[in-house]
């Protein structure tokens, strides 16, 4: 059994895929397997994967009809045989000493069953520096800082495979990895924070899903995923298992629901905003019993409850935000 299973969902990322796979091959720690799931790509991604599997048996390649990133990651999780699982996107990179740094930490601290990693972001590929030093810190799962770091991409976390038994990515197009990471967090006993230098390189692309005008399905799925998080964290009380979590996370979560990620609800088409408005407002109204919403947000939510209108919501929330940013830019 390999120490690490690296799971890479692949869909039409041929221009970046070789570089991603080469970053796996370049690992100084060699006890790994790489599960690559071709999710019905229509470019050369599938052929690239097959070529790497022929070159190195540690690459295990599966081809399937297009089913979406959640189903693809779930297929990879089912195929994984390693002790630890790491989800890596096919257009991103991992640093050459990433697995060695992680392995050093988890061997020194056998009680941990989750890891939090540092991130670097950019358009161009980074220059890797072998002399970069990473230090590890073991954190209790109760620690608020640890919990907050599990709010986000699944690529920034490693999990002991046994801790994920029965857990799957939900079939959403947006925020599916945030939901998965949060639910996984509450299964952990102790978390290793690998810090001091980035371990994962997240590539910024012009056609990334969070840019531009989101589709109706993306907006709806984001709202549904956040609805599941809201129920689990506040209605079912999982957030109370984190020290000071309800008090410290409440306002952040309300802001996420209020503005949505990158304000993509407000930048969507009028048809999409109309179709998703009641789901957006429902999540906000449902937060009121769990804490004191800031005055202006509470006033806007109250107005929209009395006069439900996606156009009014955009006027009261997004227009002032754009004006504020414009005035700040002019200073």
Protein backbone atom coordinates (compact mmCIF):
# COMPACT_ATOMS: atom_id res chain seq x y z
CA UNK A 1 0.00 0.00 0.00
CA UNK A 2 1.37 3.38 -0.99
CA UNK A 3 1.78 6.08 1.63
CA UNK A 4 -0.05 8.67 -0.50
CA UNK A 5 -2.83 8.47 -3.08
CA UNK A 6 -2.85 11.60 -5.26
CA UNK A 7 -6.25 11.89 -6.95
CA UNK A 8 -6.43 14.04 -10.08
CA UNK A 9 -9.81 14.68 -11.77
CA UNK A 10 -9.15 15.56 -15.41
CA UNK A 11 -11.41 17.31 -17.88
CA UNK A 12 -10.04 19.19 -20.90
CA UNK A 13 -6.84 20.48 -19.28
CA UNK A 14 -4.40 19.23 -21.93
CA UNK A 15 -2.36 22.49 -22.07
CA UNK A 16 -1.51 22.16 -18.36
CA UNK A 17 -1.73 18.43 -17.68
CA UNK A 18 1.83 17.36 -18.51
CA UNK A 19 3.22 19.99 -16.16
CA UNK A 20 0.90 18.78 -13.40
CA UNK A 21 1.93 15.14 -13.87
CA UNK A 22 5.61 16.07 -14.08
CA UNK A 23 5.28 17.81 -10.71
CA UNK A 24 4.05 14.51 -9.28
CA UNK A 25 6.92 12.60 -10.89
CA UNK A 26 9.39 15.12 -9.47
CA UNK A 27 8.50 14.31 -5.85
CA UNK A 28 11.55 13.55 -3.73
CA UNK A 29 9.34 11.21 -1.65
CA UNK A 30 8.53 8.33 -3.99
CA UNK A 31 6.01 6.16 -2.11
CA UNK A 32 2.90 7.36 -3.91
CA UNK A 33 0.27 6.34 -6.41
CA UNK A 34 -1.49 8.82 -8.69
CA UNK A 35 -5.13 8.08 -9.54
CA UNK A 36 -6.08 10.00 -12.71
CA UNK A 37 -9.74 10.02 -13.73
CA UNK A 38 -10.44 11.24 -17.26
CA UNK A 39 -13.96 12.65 -17.05
CA UNK A 40 -14.84 12.30 -20.72
CA UNK A 41 -12.33 14.88 -21.98
CA UNK A 42 -12.71 15.94 -25.61
CA UNK A 43 -9.12 17.21 -25.97
CA UNK A 44 -5.86 15.25 -25.66
CA UNK A 45 -6.06 14.83 -21.88
CA UNK A 46 -6.94 11.14 -22.03
CA UNK A 47 -4.02 10.33 -24.36
CA UNK A 48 -1.61 12.26 -22.14
CA UNK A 49 -2.73 10.28 -19.10
CA UNK A 50 -2.32 6.96 -20.91
CA UNK A 51 1.21 7.91 -21.95
CA UNK A 52 2.22 8.59 -18.34
CA UNK A 53 0.62 5.34 -17.16
CA UNK A 54 2.72 3.44 -19.71
CA UNK A 55 5.85 5.24 -18.50
CA UNK A 56 5.32 4.77 -14.74
CA UNK A 57 3.09 2.14 -13.12
CA UNK A 58 2.40 4.45 -10.18
CA UNK A 59 0.01 6.33 -12.47
CA UNK A 60 -3.34 4.55 -12.54
CA UNK A 61 -5.65 5.92 -15.22
CA UNK A 62 -9.42 5.51 -15.51
CA UNK A 63 -11.67 6.81 -18.29
CA UNK A 64 -15.36 7.55 -17.80
CA UNK A 65 -18.22 9.35 -19.51
CA UNK A 66 -18.50 12.96 -18.40
CA UNK A 67 -20.06 12.99 -14.93
CA UNK A 68 -18.73 16.18 -13.30
CA UNK A 69 -15.93 16.88 -10.86
CA UNK A 70 -17.70 15.50 -7.78
CA UNK A 71 -18.41 12.10 -9.34
CA UNK A 72 -14.86 12.07 -10.72
CA UNK A 73 -13.29 12.71 -7.32
CA UNK A 74 -15.57 10.08 -5.78
CA UNK A 75 -14.41 7.55 -8.39
CA UNK A 76 -10.81 8.40 -7.52
CA UNK A 77 -11.49 8.01 -3.82
CA UNK A 78 -12.99 4.55 -4.41
CA UNK A 79 -9.94 3.50 -6.44
CA UNK A 80 -7.39 4.87 -3.95
CA UNK A 81 -5.31 2.39 -1.98
CA UNK A 82 -2.92 4.72 -0.17
CA UNK A 83 -2.88 5.50 3.53
CA UNK A 84 -3.35 9.22 2.85
CA UNK A 85 -5.43 10.98 0.17
CA UNK A 86 -4.64 14.25 -1.60
CA UNK A 87 -6.90 15.80 -4.26
CA UNK A 88 -4.93 17.73 -6.90
CA UNK A 89 -6.47 19.57 -9.87
CA UNK A 90 -5.14 18.73 -13.32
CA UNK A 91 -4.12 22.31 -14.13
CA UNK A 92 -2.25 22.89 -10.85
CA UNK A 93 1.17 21.83 -9.53
CA UNK A 94 2.68 20.47 -6.33
CA UNK A 95 6.12 21.51 -5.13
CA UNK A 96 8.92 18.91 -5.47
CA UNK A 97 9.43 18.44 -1.73
CA UNK A 98 5.71 18.54 -0.86
CA UNK A 99 5.23 14.85 -0.05
CA UNK A 100 8.57 14.67 1.76
CA UNK A 101 7.59 17.59 4.01
CA UNK A 102 4.18 16.09 4.72
CA UNK A 103 5.59 12.61 5.34
CA UNK A 104 8.15 13.98 7.79
CA UNK A 105 5.37 15.62 9.79
CA UNK A 106 2.91 12.74 9.88
CA UNK A 107 5.62 10.21 10.76
CA UNK A 108 6.73 12.42 13.66
CA UNK A 109 3.10 12.86 14.77
CA UNK A 110 1.22 9.59 14.20
CA UNK A 111 -1.86 10.91 16.02
CA UNK A 112 -2.83 13.24 13.16
CA UNK A 113 -5.36 12.21 10.53
CA UNK A 114 -5.56 15.47 8.55
CA UNK A 115 -3.14 18.01 7.10
CA UNK A 116 -3.47 21.68 6.15
CA UNK A 117 -1.15 23.01 3.44
CA UNK A 118 0.11 26.40 2.31
CA UNK A 119 -0.85 27.77 -1.10
CA UNK A 120 0.87 29.76 -3.82
CA UNK A 121 -1.16 31.28 -6.65
CA UNK A 122 -0.30 32.68 -10.05
CA UNK A 123 -0.75 32.59 -13.80
CA UNK A 124 2.79 31.50 -14.72
CA UNK A 125 4.31 28.36 -13.24
CA UNK A 126 6.52 28.99 -10.20
CA UNK A 127 10.25 28.47 -9.94
CA UNK A 128 10.81 25.75 -7.38
CA UNK A 129 13.43 26.30 -4.71
CA UNK A 130 14.68 23.18 -2.99
CA UNK A 131 16.05 25.18 -0.07
CA UNK A 132 12.55 26.22 1.04
CA UNK A 133 11.95 25.03 4.58
CA UNK A 134 8.59 23.76 5.78
CA UNK A 135 7.77 23.36 9.44
CA UNK A 136 4.93 21.36 10.92
CA UNK A 137 2.64 22.25 13.78
CA UNK A 138 0.06 19.89 15.25
CA UNK A 139 -3.24 21.55 16.03
CA UNK A 140 -6.22 20.29 17.97
CA UNK A 141 -9.34 19.88 15.87
CA UNK A 142 -11.05 22.18 18.37
CA UNK A 143 -8.80 25.06 17.39
CA UNK A 144 -10.69 27.78 15.56
CA UNK A 145 -7.73 28.57 13.31
CA UNK A 146 -7.59 24.95 12.21
CA UNK A 147 -11.29 24.91 11.41
CA UNK A 148 -11.06 28.12 9.43
CA UNK A 149 -8.31 26.64 7.26
CA UNK A 150 -10.61 23.78 6.30
CA UNK A 151 -12.97 26.30 4.78
CA UNK A 152 -12.01 26.12 1.12
CA UNK A 153 -10.48 23.97 -1.58
CA UNK A 154 -10.03 20.26 -0.99
CA UNK A 155 -6.63 20.57 -2.70
CA UNK A 156 -5.21 22.27 0.39
CA UNK A 157 -5.92 19.33 2.68
CA UNK A 158 -4.73 15.76 3.06
CA UNK A 159 -6.80 13.17 4.85
CA UNK A 160 -6.12 9.73 6.19
CA UNK A 161 -8.21 7.57 3.88
CA UNK A 162 -9.86 5.72 6.74
CA UNK A 163 -11.18 9.05 8.11
CA UNK A 164 -13.16 9.57 4.89
CA UNK A 165 -15.03 6.25 4.96
CA UNK A 166 -18.56 6.82 3.67
CA UNK A 167 -18.00 10.51 2.86
CA UNK A 168 -18.50 11.67 -0.73
CA UNK A 169 -18.44 14.86 -2.74
CA UNK A 170 -21.97 16.04 -3.37
CA UNK A 171 -23.04 16.53 -7.02
CA UNK A 172 -22.63 20.31 -7.10
CA UNK A 173 -20.75 22.41 -9.67
CA UNK A 174 -19.69 25.05 -7.15
CA UNK A 175 -18.52 24.87 -3.50
CA UNK A 176 -18.58 21.06 -3.56
CA UNK A 177 -15.02 20.90 -2.24
CA UNK A 178 -15.67 23.42 0.55
CA UNK A 179 -18.63 21.33 1.71
CA UNK A 180 -16.56 18.13 1.55
CA UNK A 181 -13.61 19.65 3.44
CA UNK A 182 -15.82 20.99 6.22
CA UNK A 183 -17.62 17.68 6.69
CA UNK A 184 -14.29 15.84 6.67
CA UNK A 185 -12.88 18.22 9.28
CA UNK A 186 -15.35 17.06 11.93
CA UNK A 187 -14.17 13.47 11.51
CA UNK A 188 -10.57 14.32 12.44
CA UNK A 189 -8.80 13.98 15.77
CA UNK A 190 -5.72 16.13 15.19
CA UNK A 191 -4.48 18.22 12.28
CA UNK A 192 -0.95 18.82 11.02
CA UNK A 193 -0.32 22.31 9.65
CA UNK A 194 2.56 22.18 7.16
CA UNK A 195 3.77 25.76 7.08
CA UNK A 196 6.73 27.94 6.24
CA UNK A 197 6.62 27.57 2.44
CA UNK A 198 3.90 26.76 -0.12
CA UNK A 199 3.21 23.14 -0.95
CA UNK A 200 0.53 23.56 -3.62
CA UNK A 201 0.47 25.89 -6.65
CA UNK A 202 -3.01 27.02 -7.71
CA UNK A 203 -3.06 28.22 -11.31
CA UNK A 204 -5.16 31.29 -12.06
CA UNK A 205 -6.88 30.94 -15.42
CA UNK A 206 -8.90 33.45 -17.41
CA UNK A 207 -11.71 30.94 -17.93
CA UNK A 208 -11.89 29.85 -14.29
CA UNK A 209 -15.40 29.02 -13.08
CA UNK A 210 -15.47 31.85 -10.53
CA UNK A 211 -14.88 34.53 -13.19
CA UNK A 212 -17.38 36.05 -15.57
CA UNK A 213 -21.09 35.35 -15.60
CA UNK A 214 -21.99 32.22 -13.65
CA UNK A 215 -24.58 29.87 -15.07
CA UNK A 216 -27.90 29.19 -13.38
CA UNK A 217 -26.69 25.71 -12.41
CA UNK A 218 -23.51 27.08 -10.81
CA UNK A 219 -25.38 29.70 -8.77
CA UNK A 220 -28.02 27.20 -7.67
CA UNK A 221 -25.45 24.58 -6.71
CA UNK A 222 -23.40 27.09 -4.71
CA UNK A 223 -26.51 28.13 -2.78
CA UNK A 224 -27.51 24.50 -2.18
CA UNK A 225 -24.00 23.59 -0.98
CA UNK A 226 -23.96 26.55 1.40
CA UNK A 227 -27.42 25.58 2.56
CA UNK A 228 -26.05 22.17 3.52
CA UNK A 229 -23.16 23.83 5.36
CA UNK A 230 -25.55 26.15 7.17
CA UNK A 231 -27.69 23.25 8.36
CA UNK A 232 -24.71 21.17 9.49
CA UNK A 233 -22.81 23.98 11.19
CA UNK A 234 -25.59 25.97 12.85
CA UNK A 235 -28.83 23.98 12.89
CA UNK A 236 -27.14 20.70 13.83
CA UNK A 237 -24.55 22.51 15.94
CA UNK A 238 -21.30 21.14 14.50
CA UNK A 239 -19.78 24.61 14.82
CA UNK A 240 -20.08 24.35 18.62
CA UNK A 241 -17.44 21.61 18.57
CA UNK A 242 -14.96 24.32 17.60
CA UNK A 243 -13.67 26.60 20.35
CA UNK A 244 -15.48 29.93 19.94
CA UNK A 245 -16.65 28.82 16.51
CA UNK A 246 -20.22 30.14 16.57
CA UNK A 247 -19.21 33.61 17.71
CA UNK A 248 -16.18 33.89 15.45
CA UNK A 249 -17.49 32.20 12.32
CA UNK A 250 -21.06 33.52 12.28
CA UNK A 251 -20.37 36.94 10.74
CA UNK A 252 -18.01 35.49 8.15
CA UNK A 253 -20.59 32.92 7.09
CA UNK A 254 -23.37 35.52 6.89
CA UNK A 255 -21.16 37.67 4.65
CA UNK A 256 -20.51 34.69 2.40
CA UNK A 257 -24.24 34.10 2.03
CA UNK A 258 -24.97 37.82 1.64
CA UNK A 259 -22.47 38.66 -1.12
CA UNK A 260 -21.88 35.12 -2.48
CA UNK A 261 -18.42 34.11 -3.74
CA UNK A 262 -16.96 36.85 -5.92
CA UNK A 263 -20.48 38.37 -5.93
CA UNK A 264 -21.24 35.93 -8.73
CA UNK A 265 -24.96 35.81 -7.86
CA UNK A 266 -25.23 39.54 -8.52
CA UNK A 267 -23.12 39.32 -11.68
CA UNK A 268 -25.29 36.54 -13.10
CA UNK A 269 -27.99 37.16 -15.68
CA UNK A 270 -31.31 38.61 -14.57
CA UNK A 271 -32.94 35.28 -15.40
CA UNK A 272 -30.53 33.42 -13.13
CA UNK A 273 -30.93 35.92 -10.28
CA UNK A 274 -34.70 35.65 -10.54
CA UNK A 275 -34.66 31.84 -10.55
CA UNK A 276 -32.28 31.61 -7.56
CA UNK A 277 -33.46 34.60 -5.51
CA UNK A 278 -35.68 32.74 -3.02
CA UNK A 279 -32.97 30.16 -2.35
CA UNK A 280 -30.44 32.96 -1.75
CA UNK A 281 -32.81 34.80 0.61
CA UNK A 282 -33.85 31.60 2.40
CA UNK A 283 -30.25 30.93 3.48
CA UNK A 284 -29.92 34.45 4.89
CA UNK A 285 -33.25 34.39 6.75
CA UNK A 286 -32.35 31.01 8.24
CA UNK A 287 -29.24 32.51 9.89
CA UNK A 288 -31.15 35.01 12.02
CA UNK A 289 -31.77 32.69 15.03
CA UNK A 290 -28.05 31.92 15.39
CA UNK A 291 -26.54 35.33 15.99
CA UNK A 292 -26.84 39.07 15.56
CA UNK A 293 -26.55 40.04 11.92
CA UNK A 294 -24.86 43.45 11.39
CA UNK A 295 -27.34 46.31 11.27
CA UNK A 296 -27.18 47.23 7.59
CA UNK A 297 -27.26 43.61 6.42
CA UNK A 298 -30.19 42.91 8.78
CA UNK A 299 -32.07 45.94 7.41
CA UNK A 300 -31.52 44.86 3.79
CA UNK A 301 -32.62 41.30 4.55
CA UNK A 302 -35.74 42.63 6.27
CA UNK A 303 -36.59 44.86 3.32
CA UNK A 304 -36.15 42.00 0.87
CA UNK A 305 -38.35 39.75 2.98
CA UNK A 306 -41.15 42.34 2.73
CA UNK A 307 -40.43 43.25 -0.90
CA UNK A 308 -38.82 40.16 -2.50
CA UNK A 309 -37.11 41.37 -5.65
CA UNK A 310 -33.79 40.26 -7.19
CA UNK A 311 -33.49 43.70 -8.82
CA UNK A 312 -33.90 45.41 -5.45
CA UNK A 313 -31.33 43.03 -3.92
CA UNK A 314 -28.79 44.01 -6.56
CA UNK A 315 -29.54 47.70 -6.03
CA UNK A 316 -29.15 47.49 -2.24
CA UNK A 317 -26.11 45.18 -2.11
CA UNK A 318 -24.09 45.07 -5.29
CA UNK A 319 -24.44 48.67 -6.47
CA UNK A 320 -23.08 50.21 -3.22
CA UNK A 321 -20.26 47.65 -3.24
CA UNK A 322 -19.22 48.63 -6.77
CA UNK A 323 -19.42 52.33 -5.87
CA UNK A 324 -17.27 51.80 -2.77
CA UNK A 325 -14.62 49.96 -4.78
CA UNK A 326 -14.66 52.66 -7.47
CA UNK A 327 -14.15 55.41 -4.90
CA UNK A 328 -11.32 53.51 -3.19
CA UNK A 329 -9.62 52.93 -6.52
CA UNK A 330 -9.74 56.65 -7.24
CA UNK A 331 -7.87 57.55 -4.05
